[in-house]
Amino acid sequence: MAAFLDASRGTWLNRRSIHHLDHQDDEAADSNLVIEPFNADDPVVIKVCDSLEVDPARAAGGGRFWWESNLKKGVRNDDYAAVIVDVPESDDPRKGFLLRDVGYVEKQAVISTYTFADDGVLTITTRYDTNVGTERCWFVSDQVRMRVSSVQCLNGVSMTTYCTELRCPKDDDIRTIAERARAIADTNPSQTIG
């Protein structure tokens, strides 16, 4: 999980499509997903572990997540944020528990299970009081992630979500690319587009 979170570090353009099976309604939206991994010594580990009555010594770090507008850079809202703490199984690091300070479907602290398949696909299962959520996430490349999820409620209403996530370049990377392009244009004026 630590390697998966580290590979996920940064800002991603999240393009998602949501399908509500109960009323055949579809939604599509874009947002930014910001992921910041942290180590086991981060103070939030004790806070989240204590809230779910889990021994913090079992934690191996985790990550902070923010969903934010891709039109308003740097605007973070705690209503669209979550913290997960990784508690891997001692005998198999491809399995474990994710402790989440606020659930995605029900706004309460929750424990999910996770497994990594041989092909690297991460499956997270979360059981809430009134529904079960399953999410799968994998990397297509270093710059592209895919996520699919479903929520099944006790009354039979369910929802599916499909996301394509594209890594956003950092401002320094964009400046470097622009400088290289200018240097090429300066040395090859005939190659410029006009």
N, C-alpha and C. Protein backbone atom coordinates (compact mmCIF):
# COMPACT_ATOMS: atom_id res chain seq x y z
N MET A 1 0.83 -1.19 0.00
CA MET A 1 0.00 0.00 0.00
C MET A 1 0.87 1.26 0.00
N ALA A 2 1.97 1.24 0.75
CA ALA A 2 2.83 2.42 0.79
C ALA A 2 3.34 2.77 -0.61
N ALA A 3 3.73 1.77 -1.39
CA ALA A 3 4.22 2.01 -2.76
C ALA A 3 3.09 2.53 -3.64
N PHE A 4 1.88 2.01 -3.46
CA PHE A 4 0.73 2.46 -4.25
C PHE A 4 0.41 3.92 -3.94
N LEU A 5 0.41 4.28 -2.66
CA LEU A 5 0.14 5.66 -2.27
C LEU A 5 1.23 6.60 -2.77
N ASP A 6 2.49 6.14 -2.70
CA ASP A 6 3.58 6.99 -3.17
C ASP A 6 3.47 7.21 -4.67
N ALA A 7 3.10 6.18 -5.42
CA ALA A 7 2.91 6.32 -6.87
C ALA A 7 1.72 7.23 -7.19
N SER A 8 0.80 7.36 -6.24
CA SER A 8 -0.40 8.19 -6.43
C SER A 8 -0.20 9.63 -5.98
N ARG A 9 0.95 9.93 -5.41
CA ARG A 9 1.22 11.27 -4.87
C ARG A 9 1.04 12.34 -5.95
N GLY A 10 0.41 13.45 -5.57
CA GLY A 10 0.27 14.56 -6.49
C GLY A 10 -1.17 14.92 -6.77
N THR A 11 -1.37 15.68 -7.82
CA THR A 11 -2.69 16.15 -8.22
C THR A 11 -3.09 15.44 -9.51
N TRP A 12 -4.32 14.93 -9.52
CA TRP A 12 -4.86 14.19 -10.65
C TRP A 12 -6.13 14.88 -11.14
N LEU A 13 -6.27 15.00 -12.46
CA LEU A 13 -7.53 15.41 -13.04
C LEU A 13 -8.43 14.19 -13.03
N ASN A 14 -9.52 14.27 -12.29
CA ASN A 14 -10.45 13.15 -12.13
C ASN A 14 -11.64 13.38 -13.04
N ARG A 15 -11.79 12.52 -14.05
CA ARG A 15 -12.93 12.59 -14.96
C ARG A 15 -13.81 11.40 -14.62
N ARG A 16 -15.02 11.69 -14.10
CA ARG A 16 -15.85 10.59 -13.62
C ARG A 16 -17.23 10.61 -14.25
N SER A 17 -17.76 9.40 -14.34
CA SER A 17 -19.12 9.20 -14.80
C SER A 17 -19.82 8.37 -13.73
N ILE A 18 -20.99 8.85 -13.30
CA ILE A 18 -21.74 8.18 -12.22
C ILE A 18 -23.08 7.73 -12.78
N HIS A 19 -23.43 6.49 -12.49
CA HIS A 19 -24.71 5.94 -12.96
C HIS A 19 -25.52 5.47 -11.76
N HIS A 20 -26.70 6.05 -11.56
CA HIS A 20 -27.61 5.65 -10.49
C HIS A 20 -28.59 4.63 -11.05
N LEU A 21 -28.49 3.39 -10.62
CA LEU A 21 -29.30 2.33 -11.20
C LEU A 21 -30.76 2.40 -10.80
N ASP A 22 -31.09 3.09 -9.71
CA ASP A 22 -32.47 3.14 -9.25
C ASP A 22 -33.35 4.04 -10.11
N HIS A 23 -32.77 5.10 -10.69
CA HIS A 23 -33.58 6.00 -11.50
C HIS A 23 -32.93 6.29 -12.86
N GLN A 24 -32.04 5.42 -13.29
CA GLN A 24 -31.42 5.51 -14.61
C GLN A 24 -30.91 6.92 -14.92
N ASP A 25 -30.27 7.51 -13.94
CA ASP A 25 -29.76 8.85 -14.09
C ASP A 25 -28.24 8.80 -14.17
N ASP A 26 -27.66 9.52 -15.10
CA ASP A 26 -26.21 9.56 -15.25
C ASP A 26 -25.71 10.97 -14.96
N GLU A 27 -24.51 11.04 -14.40
CA GLU A 27 -23.84 12.31 -14.17
C GLU A 27 -22.42 12.18 -14.69
N ALA A 28 -21.85 13.29 -15.07
CA ALA A 28 -20.44 13.33 -15.43
C ALA A 28 -19.86 14.61 -14.86
N ALA A 29 -18.63 14.53 -14.39
CA ALA A 29 -18.01 15.71 -13.80
C ALA A 29 -16.50 15.56 -13.81
N ASP A 30 -15.83 16.70 -13.70
CA ASP A 30 -14.37 16.73 -13.56
C ASP A 30 -14.05 17.42 -12.24
N SER A 31 -12.98 16.97 -11.62
CA SER A 31 -12.48 17.64 -10.43
C SER A 31 -11.01 17.27 -10.31
N ASN A 32 -10.34 17.88 -9.35
CA ASN A 32 -8.97 17.49 -9.03
C ASN A 32 -8.99 16.59 -7.81
N LEU A 33 -8.17 15.57 -7.84
CA LEU A 33 -7.95 14.71 -6.68
C LEU A 33 -6.50 14.91 -6.26
N VAL A 34 -6.30 15.38 -5.04
CA VAL A 34 -4.96 15.62 -4.52
C VAL A 34 -4.66 14.55 -3.48
N ILE A 35 -3.51 13.88 -3.64
CA ILE A 35 -3.13 12.79 -2.74
C ILE A 35 -1.77 13.10 -2.13
N GLU A 36 -1.71 13.10 -0.80
CA GLU A 36 -0.46 13.35 -0.08
C GLU A 36 -0.21 12.20 0.90
N PRO A 37 0.68 11.26 0.56
CA PRO A 37 1.00 10.18 1.50
C PRO A 37 1.74 10.69 2.73
N PHE A 38 1.67 9.92 3.81
CA PHE A 38 2.42 10.26 5.02
C PHE A 38 2.91 8.98 5.68
N ASN A 39 3.89 9.13 6.58
CA ASN A 39 4.49 7.99 7.28
C ASN A 39 3.72 7.67 8.56
N ALA A 40 4.10 6.57 9.18
CA ALA A 40 3.43 6.10 10.39
C ALA A 40 3.60 7.05 11.57
N ASP A 41 4.59 7.95 11.51
CA ASP A 41 4.81 8.86 12.64
C ASP A 41 3.99 10.15 12.53
N ASP A 42 3.14 10.27 11.50
CA ASP A 42 2.28 11.45 11.36
C ASP A 42 1.27 11.45 12.51
N PRO A 43 1.04 12.60 13.16
CA PRO A 43 0.12 12.67 14.31
C PRO A 43 -1.31 12.21 13.99
N VAL A 44 -1.74 12.29 12.73
CA VAL A 44 -3.10 11.90 12.39
C VAL A 44 -3.31 10.39 12.57
N VAL A 45 -2.22 9.60 12.53
CA VAL A 45 -2.34 8.14 12.69
C VAL A 45 -2.97 7.81 14.03
N ILE A 46 -2.47 8.41 15.09
CA ILE A 46 -3.00 8.13 16.43
C ILE A 46 -4.45 8.56 16.52
N LYS A 47 -4.78 9.72 15.97
CA LYS A 47 -6.14 10.24 16.02
C LYS A 47 -7.12 9.28 15.34
N VAL A 48 -6.80 8.85 14.12
CA VAL A 48 -7.70 7.97 13.38
C VAL A 48 -7.76 6.59 14.03
N CYS A 49 -6.61 6.05 14.44
CA CYS A 49 -6.59 4.73 15.09
C CYS A 49 -7.40 4.74 16.38
N ASP A 50 -7.23 5.78 17.17
CA ASP A 50 -7.99 5.87 18.43
C ASP A 50 -9.49 5.93 18.17
N SER A 51 -9.90 6.66 17.14
CA SER A 51 -11.34 6.79 16.86
C SER A 51 -11.97 5.45 16.47
N LEU A 52 -11.15 4.53 15.94
CA LEU A 52 -11.67 3.22 15.52
C LEU A 52 -11.16 2.08 16.41
N GLU A 53 -10.53 2.46 17.52
CA GLU A 53 -10.04 1.49 18.52
C GLU A 53 -9.10 0.46 17.91
N VAL A 54 -8.11 0.98 17.16
CA VAL A 54 -7.08 0.14 16.55
C VAL A 54 -5.74 0.58 17.12
N ASP A 55 -4.86 -0.37 17.42
CA ASP A 55 -3.54 -0.07 17.97
C ASP A 55 -2.72 0.70 16.93
N PRO A 56 -2.32 1.95 17.20
CA PRO A 56 -1.54 2.74 16.24
C PRO A 56 -0.21 2.10 15.86
N ALA A 57 0.32 1.22 16.70
CA ALA A 57 1.59 0.56 16.41
C ALA A 57 1.48 -0.34 15.18
N ARG A 58 0.27 -0.73 14.81
CA ARG A 58 0.06 -1.59 13.64
C ARG A 58 0.04 -0.80 12.33
N ALA A 59 -0.07 0.52 12.42
CA ALA A 59 -0.21 1.37 11.23
C ALA A 59 1.12 1.52 10.50
N ALA A 60 1.02 1.63 9.17
CA ALA A 60 2.21 1.78 8.32
C ALA A 60 2.16 3.05 7.49
N GLY A 61 1.49 4.08 8.00
CA GLY A 61 1.37 5.32 7.24
C GLY A 61 -0.01 5.44 6.63
N GLY A 62 -0.11 6.25 5.59
CA GLY A 62 -1.40 6.44 4.95
C GLY A 62 -1.36 7.59 3.98
N GLY A 63 -2.51 8.25 3.79
CA GLY A 63 -2.59 9.35 2.85
C GLY A 63 -3.73 10.29 3.14
N ARG A 64 -3.54 11.53 2.75
CA ARG A 64 -4.59 12.55 2.80
C ARG A 64 -5.12 12.74 1.38
N PHE A 65 -6.42 12.88 1.25
CA PHE A 65 -7.08 13.04 -0.05
C PHE A 65 -7.96 14.27 -0.01
N TRP A 66 -7.91 15.07 -1.08
CA TRP A 66 -8.81 16.20 -1.25
C TRP A 66 -9.41 16.12 -2.64
N TRP A 67 -10.71 16.36 -2.72
CA TRP A 67 -11.38 16.53 -4.01
C TRP A 67 -11.69 18.01 -4.11
N GLU A 68 -11.21 18.64 -5.17
CA GLU A 68 -11.37 20.08 -5.28
C GLU A 68 -11.69 20.47 -6.72
N SER A 69 -12.17 21.67 -6.87
CA SER A 69 -12.47 22.20 -8.20
C SER A 69 -11.19 22.26 -9.02
N ASN A 70 -11.29 21.90 -10.29
CA ASN A 70 -10.11 22.06 -11.15
C ASN A 70 -10.09 23.45 -11.79
N LEU A 71 -11.05 24.29 -11.42
CA LEU A 71 -11.08 25.66 -11.93
C LEU A 71 -10.56 26.66 -10.91
N LYS A 72 -10.51 26.28 -9.63
CA LYS A 72 -10.06 27.17 -8.57
C LYS A 72 -8.88 26.51 -7.88
N LYS A 73 -7.69 26.78 -8.36
CA LYS A 73 -6.49 26.13 -7.87
C LYS A 73 -6.27 26.42 -6.38
N GLY A 74 -5.96 25.35 -5.64
CA GLY A 74 -5.59 25.49 -4.25
C GLY A 74 -6.74 25.70 -3.28
N VAL A 75 -7.98 25.61 -3.74
CA VAL A 75 -9.12 25.77 -2.85
C VAL A 75 -9.46 24.41 -2.25
N ARG A 76 -9.19 24.25 -0.97
CA ARG A 76 -9.44 22.97 -0.30
C ARG A 76 -10.56 23.14 0.71
N ASN A 77 -11.46 22.17 0.71
CA ASN A 77 -12.63 22.18 1.58
C ASN A 77 -12.63 20.88 2.36
N ASP A 78 -12.65 20.97 3.69
CA ASP A 78 -12.62 19.76 4.51
C ASP A 78 -13.85 18.88 4.32
N ASP A 79 -14.92 19.44 3.75
CA ASP A 79 -16.09 18.61 3.43
C ASP A 79 -15.79 17.64 2.30
N TYR A 80 -14.74 17.92 1.54
CA TYR A 80 -14.34 17.07 0.42
C TYR A 80 -12.93 16.54 0.64
N ALA A 81 -12.70 16.05 1.85
CA ALA A 81 -11.37 15.56 2.21
C ALA A 81 -11.52 14.29 3.04
N ALA A 82 -10.46 13.50 3.05
CA ALA A 82 -10.45 12.28 3.86
C ALA A 82 -9.00 11.92 4.19
N VAL A 83 -8.85 11.16 5.25
CA VAL A 83 -7.56 10.61 5.64
C VAL A 83 -7.73 9.11 5.73
N ILE A 84 -6.79 8.36 5.13
CA ILE A 84 -6.78 6.92 5.32
C ILE A 84 -5.48 6.51 6.00
N VAL A 85 -5.58 5.52 6.88
CA VAL A 85 -4.42 4.97 7.56
C VAL A 85 -4.33 3.50 7.17
N ASP A 86 -3.15 3.09 6.74
CA ASP A 86 -2.90 1.72 6.28
C ASP A 86 -2.49 0.84 7.46
N VAL A 87 -3.22 -0.27 7.63
CA VAL A 87 -2.86 -1.28 8.63
C VAL A 87 -2.71 -2.60 7.88
N PRO A 88 -1.49 -2.89 7.39
CA PRO A 88 -1.30 -4.11 6.60
C PRO A 88 -1.34 -5.36 7.46
N GLU A 89 -1.72 -6.48 6.84
CA GLU A 89 -1.63 -7.77 7.54
C GLU A 89 -0.16 -8.11 7.72
N SER A 90 0.19 -8.64 8.87
CA SER A 90 1.60 -8.90 9.16
C SER A 90 2.17 -10.02 8.30
N ASP A 91 1.34 -10.99 7.90
CA ASP A 91 1.85 -12.13 7.14
C ASP A 91 1.69 -11.96 5.62
N ASP A 92 0.98 -10.92 5.17
CA ASP A 92 0.78 -10.70 3.74
C ASP A 92 0.56 -9.22 3.48
N PRO A 93 1.61 -8.48 3.10
CA PRO A 93 1.48 -7.03 2.91
C PRO A 93 0.58 -6.63 1.73
N ARG A 94 0.12 -7.61 0.94
CA ARG A 94 -0.82 -7.29 -0.16
C ARG A 94 -2.25 -7.21 0.35
N LYS A 95 -2.44 -7.44 1.65
CA LYS A 95 -3.77 -7.38 2.25
C LYS A 95 -3.70 -6.53 3.51
N GLY A 96 -4.84 -5.98 3.89
CA GLY A 96 -4.86 -5.22 5.12
C GLY A 96 -6.16 -4.46 5.29
N PHE A 97 -6.06 -3.44 6.14
CA PHE A 97 -7.20 -2.60 6.47
C PHE A 97 -6.85 -1.14 6.20
N LEU A 98 -7.83 -0.40 5.74
CA LEU A 98 -7.70 1.05 5.61
C LEU A 98 -8.65 1.67 6.61
N LEU A 99 -8.12 2.46 7.52
CA LEU A 99 -8.93 3.19 8.49
C LEU A 99 -9.18 4.56 7.90
N ARG A 100 -10.43 4.93 7.79
CA ARG A 100 -10.77 6.20 7.16
C ARG A 100 -11.48 7.09 8.17
N ASP A 101 -11.05 8.34 8.26
CA ASP A 101 -11.63 9.26 9.24
C ASP A 101 -13.08 9.60 8.91
N VAL A 102 -13.41 9.67 7.62
CA VAL A 102 -14.78 9.97 7.19
C VAL A 102 -15.07 9.09 5.98
N GLY A 103 -16.18 8.37 6.04
CA GLY A 103 -16.54 7.49 4.93
C GLY A 103 -16.98 8.25 3.71
N TYR A 104 -16.86 7.61 2.55
CA TYR A 104 -17.25 8.23 1.29
C TYR A 104 -18.77 8.29 1.15
N VAL A 105 -19.44 7.23 1.56
CA VAL A 105 -20.89 7.15 1.39
C VAL A 105 -21.60 7.64 2.65
N GLU A 106 -21.20 7.14 3.80
CA GLU A 106 -21.77 7.58 5.08
C GLU A 106 -20.69 8.34 5.82
N LYS A 107 -21.00 9.51 6.30
CA LYS A 107 -20.02 10.41 6.90
C LYS A 107 -19.69 9.99 8.33
N GLN A 108 -18.96 8.88 8.43
CA GLN A 108 -18.53 8.37 9.74
C GLN A 108 -17.19 7.67 9.54
N ALA A 109 -16.43 7.54 10.64
CA ALA A 109 -15.18 6.79 10.57
C ALA A 109 -15.51 5.34 10.23
N VAL A 110 -14.65 4.74 9.40
CA VAL A 110 -14.96 3.39 8.91
C VAL A 110 -13.68 2.62 8.64
N ILE A 111 -13.77 1.29 8.74
CA ILE A 111 -12.65 0.40 8.42
C ILE A 111 -13.00 -0.35 7.14
N SER A 112 -12.10 -0.30 6.17
CA SER A 112 -12.25 -1.04 4.92
C SER A 112 -11.20 -2.14 4.87
N THR A 113 -11.46 -3.15 4.07
CA THR A 113 -10.43 -4.16 3.79
C THR A 113 -9.87 -3.88 2.40
N TYR A 114 -8.60 -4.27 2.20
CA TYR A 114 -8.03 -4.12 0.86
C TYR A 114 -7.19 -5.34 0.50
N THR A 115 -7.11 -5.59 -0.80
CA THR A 115 -6.24 -6.63 -1.34
C THR A 115 -5.66 -6.13 -2.66
N PHE A 116 -4.44 -6.56 -2.95
CA PHE A 116 -3.82 -6.32 -4.25
C PHE A 116 -3.78 -7.63 -5.00
N ALA A 117 -4.29 -7.65 -6.23
CA ALA A 117 -4.22 -8.83 -7.07
C ALA A 117 -2.81 -8.96 -7.66
N ASP A 118 -2.53 -10.10 -8.27
CA ASP A 118 -1.22 -10.32 -8.87
C ASP A 118 -0.88 -9.28 -9.93
N ASP A 119 -1.91 -8.75 -10.61
CA ASP A 119 -1.67 -7.76 -11.66
C ASP A 119 -1.60 -6.33 -11.12
N GLY A 120 -1.65 -6.15 -9.79
CA GLY A 120 -1.52 -4.84 -9.18
C GLY A 120 -2.81 -4.10 -8.95
N VAL A 121 -3.95 -4.68 -9.32
CA VAL A 121 -5.24 -4.01 -9.10
C VAL A 121 -5.56 -4.03 -7.61
N LEU A 122 -5.86 -2.86 -7.07
CA LEU A 122 -6.24 -2.70 -5.67
C LEU A 122 -7.75 -2.78 -5.56
N THR A 123 -8.24 -3.64 -4.66
CA THR A 123 -9.68 -3.73 -4.38
C THR A 123 -9.91 -3.36 -2.93
N ILE A 124 -10.80 -2.38 -2.72
CA ILE A 124 -11.15 -1.91 -1.37
C ILE A 124 -12.64 -2.19 -1.16
N THR A 125 -12.97 -2.83 -0.05
CA THR A 125 -14.36 -3.11 0.29
C THR A 125 -14.68 -2.44 1.62
N THR A 126 -15.78 -1.68 1.61
CA THR A 126 -16.19 -0.94 2.81
C THR A 126 -17.62 -1.29 3.15
N ARG A 127 -17.83 -1.74 4.37
CA ARG A 127 -19.17 -2.07 4.84
C ARG A 127 -19.62 -0.98 5.81
N TYR A 128 -20.67 -0.27 5.40
CA TYR A 128 -21.26 0.75 6.25
C TYR A 128 -22.48 0.15 6.95
N ASP A 129 -23.20 0.97 7.70
CA ASP A 129 -24.40 0.49 8.39
C ASP A 129 -25.50 0.07 7.42
N THR A 130 -25.62 0.78 6.31
CA THR A 130 -26.75 0.51 5.40
C THR A 130 -26.34 0.16 3.98
N ASN A 131 -25.03 0.03 3.69
CA ASN A 131 -24.61 -0.30 2.34
C ASN A 131 -23.20 -0.86 2.31
N VAL A 132 -22.83 -1.36 1.15
CA VAL A 132 -21.48 -1.89 0.93
C VAL A 132 -20.91 -1.22 -0.30
N GLY A 133 -19.69 -0.72 -0.18
CA GLY A 133 -19.01 -0.11 -1.32
C GLY A 133 -17.80 -0.93 -1.71
N THR A 134 -17.60 -1.09 -3.01
CA THR A 134 -16.43 -1.79 -3.54
C THR A 134 -15.77 -0.88 -4.56
N GLU A 135 -14.47 -0.71 -4.43
CA GLU A 135 -13.72 0.13 -5.36
C GLU A 135 -12.50 -0.63 -5.85
N ARG A 136 -12.22 -0.50 -7.14
CA ARG A 136 -11.01 -1.07 -7.72
C ARG A 136 -10.23 0.08 -8.36
N CYS A 137 -8.91 0.04 -8.19
CA CYS A 137 -8.06 1.11 -8.72
C CYS A 137 -6.78 0.48 -9.26
N TRP A 138 -6.31 0.99 -10.41
CA TRP A 138 -5.07 0.48 -10.98
C TRP A 138 -4.42 1.56 -11.84
N PHE A 139 -3.13 1.38 -12.09
CA PHE A 139 -2.38 2.29 -12.93
C PHE A 139 -2.31 1.73 -14.34
N VAL A 140 -2.66 2.56 -15.31
CA VAL A 140 -2.46 2.21 -16.71
C VAL A 140 -1.02 2.55 -17.08
N SER A 141 -0.53 3.68 -16.54
CA SER A 141 0.86 4.12 -16.67
C SER A 141 1.17 4.98 -15.45
N ASP A 142 2.36 5.53 -15.39
CA ASP A 142 2.70 6.42 -14.28
C ASP A 142 1.82 7.66 -14.26
N GLN A 143 1.25 8.00 -15.40
CA GLN A 143 0.50 9.24 -15.54
C GLN A 143 -1.02 9.04 -15.60
N VAL A 144 -1.48 7.79 -15.62
CA VAL A 144 -2.92 7.51 -15.78
C VAL A 144 -3.34 6.43 -14.79
N ARG A 145 -4.40 6.74 -14.02
CA ARG A 145 -5.00 5.77 -13.11
C ARG A 145 -6.46 5.56 -13.52
N MET A 146 -6.98 4.38 -13.22
CA MET A 146 -8.39 4.09 -13.45
C MET A 146 -9.00 3.65 -12.12
N ARG A 147 -10.27 4.05 -11.92
CA ARG A 147 -11.00 3.61 -10.73
C ARG A 147 -12.42 3.28 -11.13
N VAL A 148 -12.93 2.18 -10.62
CA VAL A 148 -14.34 1.84 -10.77
C VAL A 148 -14.86 1.51 -9.39
N SER A 149 -16.11 1.87 -9.12
CA SER A 149 -16.67 1.58 -7.81
C SER A 149 -18.16 1.31 -7.94
N SER A 150 -18.68 0.63 -6.94
CA SER A 150 -20.11 0.40 -6.87
C SER A 150 -20.54 0.50 -5.41
N VAL A 151 -21.78 0.95 -5.22
CA VAL A 151 -22.37 1.02 -3.88
C VAL A 151 -23.69 0.28 -3.95
N GLN A 152 -23.85 -0.70 -3.07
CA GLN A 152 -25.09 -1.47 -2.99
C GLN A 152 -25.73 -1.18 -1.64
N CYS A 153 -26.91 -0.60 -1.66
CA CYS A 153 -27.63 -0.26 -0.43
C CYS A 153 -28.54 -1.42 -0.01
N LEU A 154 -28.93 -1.42 1.25
CA LEU A 154 -29.80 -2.48 1.77
C LEU A 154 -31.15 -2.52 1.06
N ASN A 155 -31.61 -1.36 0.60
CA ASN A 155 -32.92 -1.32 -0.06
C ASN A 155 -32.81 -1.61 -1.56
N GLY A 156 -31.60 -2.01 -2.00
CA GLY A 156 -31.42 -2.41 -3.38
C GLY A 156 -30.95 -1.30 -4.30
N VAL A 157 -30.99 -0.06 -3.86
CA VAL A 157 -30.54 1.05 -4.70
C VAL A 157 -29.03 0.96 -4.83
N SER A 158 -28.54 1.10 -6.03
CA SER A 158 -27.08 1.04 -6.20
C SER A 158 -26.61 2.09 -7.18
N MET A 159 -25.31 2.32 -7.13
CA MET A 159 -24.68 3.35 -7.94
C MET A 159 -23.34 2.80 -8.42
N THR A 160 -22.96 3.12 -9.64
CA THR A 160 -21.64 2.76 -10.13
C THR A 160 -20.93 4.03 -10.59
N THR A 161 -19.62 4.01 -10.45
CA THR A 161 -18.80 5.15 -10.84
C THR A 161 -17.60 4.65 -11.63
N TYR A 162 -17.27 5.37 -12.67
CA TYR A 162 -16.08 5.06 -13.47
C TYR A 162 -15.26 6.33 -13.56
N CYS A 163 -13.97 6.24 -13.20
CA CYS A 163 -13.10 7.41 -13.21
C CYS A 163 -11.83 7.13 -14.01
N THR A 164 -11.45 8.10 -14.80
CA THR A 164 -10.13 8.13 -15.41
C THR A 164 -9.40 9.29 -14.75
N GLU A 165 -8.20 9.03 -14.24
CA GLU A 165 -7.44 10.07 -13.55
C GLU A 165 -6.12 10.29 -14.27
N LEU A 166 -5.87 11.55 -14.62
CA LEU A 166 -4.68 11.94 -15.37
C LEU A 166 -3.81 12.80 -14.46
N ARG A 167 -2.54 12.42 -14.33
CA ARG A 167 -1.65 13.18 -13.45
C ARG A 167 -1.45 14.59 -13.99
N CYS A 168 -1.63 15.58 -13.13
CA CYS A 168 -1.42 16.97 -13.52
C CYS A 168 0.06 17.31 -13.31
N PRO A 169 0.67 17.96 -14.31
CA PRO A 169 2.07 18.34 -14.11
C PRO A 169 2.18 19.45 -13.07
N LYS A 170 3.31 19.49 -12.40
CA LYS A 170 3.57 20.56 -11.43
C LYS A 170 3.93 21.84 -12.18
N ASP A 171 3.75 22.96 -11.53
CA ASP A 171 4.06 24.25 -12.16
C ASP A 171 5.51 24.30 -12.65
N ASP A 172 6.44 23.75 -11.85
CA ASP A 172 7.86 23.74 -12.26
C ASP A 172 8.05 22.92 -13.53
N ASP A 173 7.32 21.79 -13.66
CA ASP A 173 7.43 20.96 -14.86
C ASP A 173 6.93 21.72 -16.09
N ILE A 174 5.84 22.46 -15.93
CA ILE A 174 5.29 23.24 -17.05
C ILE A 174 6.28 24.33 -17.47
N ARG A 175 6.89 25.00 -16.48
CA ARG A 175 7.88 26.03 -16.80
C ARG A 175 9.07 25.43 -17.55
N THR A 176 9.53 24.25 -17.11
CA THR A 176 10.66 23.58 -17.76
C THR A 176 10.32 23.23 -19.21
N ILE A 177 9.13 22.70 -19.43
CA ILE A 177 8.70 22.36 -20.79
C ILE A 177 8.62 23.62 -21.66
N ALA A 178 8.08 24.69 -21.08
CA ALA A 178 7.97 25.95 -21.84
C ALA A 178 9.35 26.49 -22.19
N GLU A 179 10.30 26.42 -21.25
CA GLU A 179 11.67 26.90 -21.52
C GLU A 179 12.33 26.08 -22.61
N ARG A 180 12.13 24.76 -22.58
CA ARG A 180 12.69 23.90 -23.64
C ARG A 180 12.08 24.26 -25.00
N ALA A 181 10.77 24.48 -25.01
CA ALA A 181 10.10 24.83 -26.27
C ALA A 181 10.63 26.15 -26.80
N ARG A 182 10.86 27.13 -25.90
CA ARG A 182 11.39 28.42 -26.33
C ARG A 182 12.81 28.26 -26.89
N ALA A 183 13.61 27.42 -26.22
CA ALA A 183 14.99 27.20 -26.67
C ALA A 183 15.00 26.55 -28.06
N ILE A 184 14.12 25.60 -28.28
CA ILE A 184 14.04 24.96 -29.59
C ILE A 184 13.59 25.98 -30.64
N ALA A 185 12.61 26.80 -30.29
CA ALA A 185 12.10 27.83 -31.23
C ALA A 185 13.20 28.85 -31.55
N ASP A 186 14.02 29.20 -30.55
CA ASP A 186 15.09 30.18 -30.77
C ASP A 186 16.18 29.61 -31.69
N THR A 187 16.46 28.33 -31.57
CA THR A 187 17.53 27.73 -32.39
C THR A 187 17.03 27.25 -33.75
N ASN A 188 15.73 27.07 -33.87
CA ASN A 188 15.10 26.59 -35.11
C ASN A 188 13.88 27.43 -35.46
N PRO A 189 14.04 28.67 -35.81
CA PRO A 189 12.85 29.51 -36.07
C PRO A 189 11.92 28.96 -37.13
N SER A 190 12.44 28.18 -38.06
CA SER A 190 11.59 27.62 -39.12
C SER A 190 10.68 26.52 -38.60
N GLN A 191 10.97 26.00 -37.41
CA GLN A 191 10.17 24.93 -36.83
C GLN A 191 8.99 25.44 -36.00
N THR A 192 8.92 26.75 -35.79
CA THR A 192 7.85 27.29 -34.95
C THR A 192 6.52 27.24 -35.67
N ILE A 193 5.48 27.12 -34.88
CA ILE A 193 4.11 27.08 -35.41
C ILE A 193 3.54 28.47 -35.26
N GLY A 194 2.94 28.96 -36.31
CA GLY A 194 2.53 30.18 -36.31
C GLY A 194 1.63 31.17 -36.24
